[in-house]
Amino acid sequence: MEVVLELKDADNWIYRGEGAANLVLAYSGSFPTFVGKVLRIQKAPRIESPRNGFDSEDSHSALTNDECLLWRETEDLVSAPTREIAEQLYVQHVISPL
């Protein structure tokens, strides 16, 4: 059975909290499929623009200027083409050794 949510269904979800990457909502309605459930929604990535301190589009790094300065000694991390790869390299080169 496919469930299609509509705008009116938004009233049945209550904000429970959030972290850096996700938003958590709890269901408070009466639809049996969702009773007792929570929904974790990944936040959309921030839009990069030179005005907010992020690299311009012609840059080869997915990191901000400040992040590039911070991690300049970890060349793989600084030259990562996407944010997801940069996150994986951060875990590999920084977190795992700890």
C-alpha atoms as a PDB file:
ATOM      1  CA  MET A   1       0.000   0.000   0.000  1.00  0.00           C
ATOM      2  CA  GLU A   2       1.478   3.310  -1.103  1.00  0.00           C
ATOM      3  CA  VAL A   3       1.025   6.265   1.246  1.00  0.00           C
ATOM      4  CA  VAL A   4       0.844   9.755  -0.241  1.00  0.00           C
ATOM      5  CA  LEU A   5       1.260  12.599   2.216  1.00  0.00           C
ATOM      6  CA  GLU A   6      -0.407  15.930   1.556  1.00  0.00           C
ATOM      7  CA  LEU A   7       0.125  19.412   2.944  1.00  0.00           C
ATOM      8  CA  LYS A   8      -2.687  18.949   5.508  1.00  0.00           C
ATOM      9  CA  ASP A   9      -0.783  15.941   6.926  1.00  0.00           C
ATOM     10  CA  ALA A  10       2.018  18.235   8.098  1.00  0.00           C
ATOM     11  CA  ASP A  11      -0.093  19.197  11.136  1.00  0.00           C
ATOM     12  CA  ASN A  12       0.284  15.625  12.431  1.00  0.00           C
ATOM     13  CA  TRP A  13       4.076  15.813  12.747  1.00  0.00           C
ATOM     14  CA  ILE A  14       5.624  17.455  15.815  1.00  0.00           C
ATOM     15  CA  TYR A  15       9.145  18.868  15.984  1.00  0.00           C
ATOM     16  CA  ARG A  16      11.304  16.800  18.365  1.00  0.00           C
ATOM     17  CA  GLY A  17      14.805  18.075  17.710  1.00  0.00           C
ATOM     18  CA  GLU A  18      17.620  18.482  15.266  1.00  0.00           C
ATOM     19  CA  GLY A  19      21.327  18.075  14.812  1.00  0.00           C
ATOM     20  CA  ALA A  20      23.779  19.439  12.315  1.00  0.00           C
ATOM     21  CA  ALA A  21      22.503  17.221   9.497  1.00  0.00           C
ATOM     22  CA  ASN A  22      19.017  16.009  10.434  1.00  0.00           C
ATOM     23  CA  LEU A  23      15.618  17.174  11.655  1.00  0.00           C
ATOM     24  CA  VAL A  24      13.500  14.808  13.786  1.00  0.00           C
ATOM     25  CA  LEU A  25       9.679  14.838  13.819  1.00  0.00           C
ATOM     26  CA  ALA A  26       7.272  12.606  15.764  1.00  0.00           C
ATOM     27  CA  TYR A  27       3.871  11.564  14.454  1.00  0.00           C
ATOM     28  CA  SER A  28       0.865  12.639  16.556  1.00  0.00           C
ATOM     29  CA  GLY A  29      -2.001  11.733  14.218  1.00  0.00           C
ATOM     30  CA  SER A  30      -4.197   8.649  14.047  1.00  0.00           C
ATOM     31  CA  PHE A  31      -3.103   7.039  10.762  1.00  0.00           C
ATOM     32  CA  PRO A  32      -2.167   3.466  11.857  1.00  0.00           C
ATOM     33  CA  THR A  33       0.941   3.229   9.675  1.00  0.00           C
ATOM     34  CA  PHE A  34       2.596   6.180  11.428  1.00  0.00           C
ATOM     35  CA  VAL A  35       1.389   5.867  15.052  1.00  0.00           C
ATOM     36  CA  GLY A  36       4.427   5.654  17.333  1.00  0.00           C
ATOM     37  CA  LYS A  37       6.858   6.572  14.548  1.00  0.00           C
ATOM     38  CA  VAL A  38       9.446   9.307  14.189  1.00  0.00           C
ATOM     39  CA  LEU A  39      10.762  10.775  10.971  1.00  0.00           C
ATOM     40  CA  ARG A  40      14.397  11.759  10.501  1.00  0.00           C
ATOM     41  CA  ILE A  41      14.829  14.165   7.592  1.00  0.00           C
ATOM     42  CA  GLN A  42      18.232  15.077   6.219  1.00  0.00           C
ATOM     43  CA  LYS A  43      18.722  18.812   5.961  1.00  0.00           C
ATOM     44  CA  ALA A  44      19.463  20.256   2.543  1.00  0.00           C
ATOM     45  CA  PRO A  45      23.084  21.311   2.051  1.00  0.00           C
ATOM     46  CA  ARG A  46      23.786  25.007   2.314  1.00  0.00           C
ATOM     47  CA  ILE A  47      24.088  26.871  -0.949  1.00  0.00           C
ATOM     48  CA  GLU A  48      27.631  27.961  -1.624  1.00  0.00           C
ATOM     49  CA  SER A  49      28.291  31.547  -2.564  1.00  0.00           C
ATOM     50  CA  PRO A  50      31.221  33.925  -2.144  1.00  0.00           C
ATOM     51  CA  ARG A  51      29.046  36.273  -0.076  1.00  0.00           C
ATOM     52  CA  ASN A  52      28.575  33.829   2.803  1.00  0.00           C
ATOM     53  CA  GLY A  53      32.234  32.818   3.012  1.00  0.00           C
ATOM     54  CA  PHE A  54      32.058  29.645   0.943  1.00  0.00           C
ATOM     55  CA  ASP A  55      34.252  28.930  -2.034  1.00  0.00           C
ATOM     56  CA  SER A  56      33.121  30.120  -5.410  1.00  0.00           C
ATOM     57  CA  GLU A  57      31.851  27.630  -7.982  1.00  0.00           C
ATOM     58  CA  ASP A  58      35.145  27.603  -9.897  1.00  0.00           C
ATOM     59  CA  SER A  59      36.984  26.159  -6.887  1.00  0.00           C
ATOM     60  CA  HIS A  60      38.119  22.536  -6.940  1.00  0.00           C
ATOM     61  CA  SER A  61      37.273  21.897  -3.288  1.00  0.00           C
ATOM     62  CA  ALA A  62      33.940  21.149  -1.656  1.00  0.00           C
ATOM     63  CA  LEU A  63      35.176  22.795   1.555  1.00  0.00           C
ATOM     64  CA  THR A  64      34.799  26.408   2.616  1.00  0.00           C
ATOM     65  CA  ASN A  65      37.820  28.729   2.598  1.00  0.00           C
ATOM     66  CA  ASP A  66      38.075  28.412   6.383  1.00  0.00           C
ATOM     67  CA  GLU A  67      37.885  24.609   6.233  1.00  0.00           C
ATOM     68  CA  CYS A  68      40.607  24.565   3.576  1.00  0.00           C
ATOM     69  CA  LEU A  69      42.839  26.614   5.858  1.00  0.00           C
ATOM     70  CA  LEU A  70      42.094  24.365   8.828  1.00  0.00           C
ATOM     71  CA  TRP A  71      42.776  21.104   6.970  1.00  0.00           C
ATOM     72  CA  ARG A  72      45.496  22.353   4.581  1.00  0.00           C
ATOM     73  CA  GLU A  73      47.943  19.689   5.838  1.00  0.00           C
ATOM     74  CA  THR A  74      45.534  16.913   4.781  1.00  0.00           C
ATOM     75  CA  GLU A  75      45.742  17.323   1.012  1.00  0.00           C
ATOM     76  CA  ASP A  76      43.226  14.562   0.202  1.00  0.00           C
ATOM     77  CA  LEU A  77      40.609  16.262   2.355  1.00  0.00           C
ATOM     78  CA  VAL A  78      41.165  19.743   0.919  1.00  0.00           C
ATOM     79  CA  SER A  79      41.016  18.516  -2.672  1.00  0.00           C
ATOM     80  CA  ALA A  80      37.840  16.432  -2.230  1.00  0.00           C
ATOM     81  CA  PRO A  81      35.461  17.157  -5.136  1.00  0.00           C
ATOM     82  CA  THR A  82      32.237  16.703  -3.117  1.00  0.00           C
ATOM     83  CA  ARG A  83      31.151  17.304   0.448  1.00  0.00           C
ATOM     84  CA  GLU A  84      30.332  13.595   0.904  1.00  0.00           C
ATOM     85  CA  ILE A  85      33.829  12.532  -0.107  1.00  0.00           C
ATOM     86  CA  ALA A  86      35.299  15.201   2.171  1.00  0.00           C
ATOM     87  CA  GLU A  87      33.264  13.779   5.064  1.00  0.00           C
ATOM     88  CA  GLN A  88      34.525  10.252   4.349  1.00  0.00           C
ATOM     89  CA  LEU A  89      38.114  11.459   4.158  1.00  0.00           C
ATOM     90  CA  TYR A  90      37.666  13.385   7.419  1.00  0.00           C
ATOM     91  CA  VAL A  91      36.617  10.183   9.152  1.00  0.00           C
ATOM     92  CA  GLN A  92      39.490   8.247   7.559  1.00  0.00           C
ATOM     93  CA  HIS A  93      42.276  10.784   8.192  1.00  0.00           C
ATOM     94  CA  VAL A  94      41.128  12.551  11.382  1.00  0.00           C
ATOM     95  CA  ILE A  95      38.583  10.561  13.394  1.00  0.00           C
ATOM     96  CA  SER A  96      39.849   6.985  12.849  1.00  0.00           C
ATOM     97  CA  PRO A  97      43.390   7.704  14.074  1.00  0.00           C
ATOM     98  CA  LEU A  98      41.940   9.139  17.291  1.00  0.00           C
END
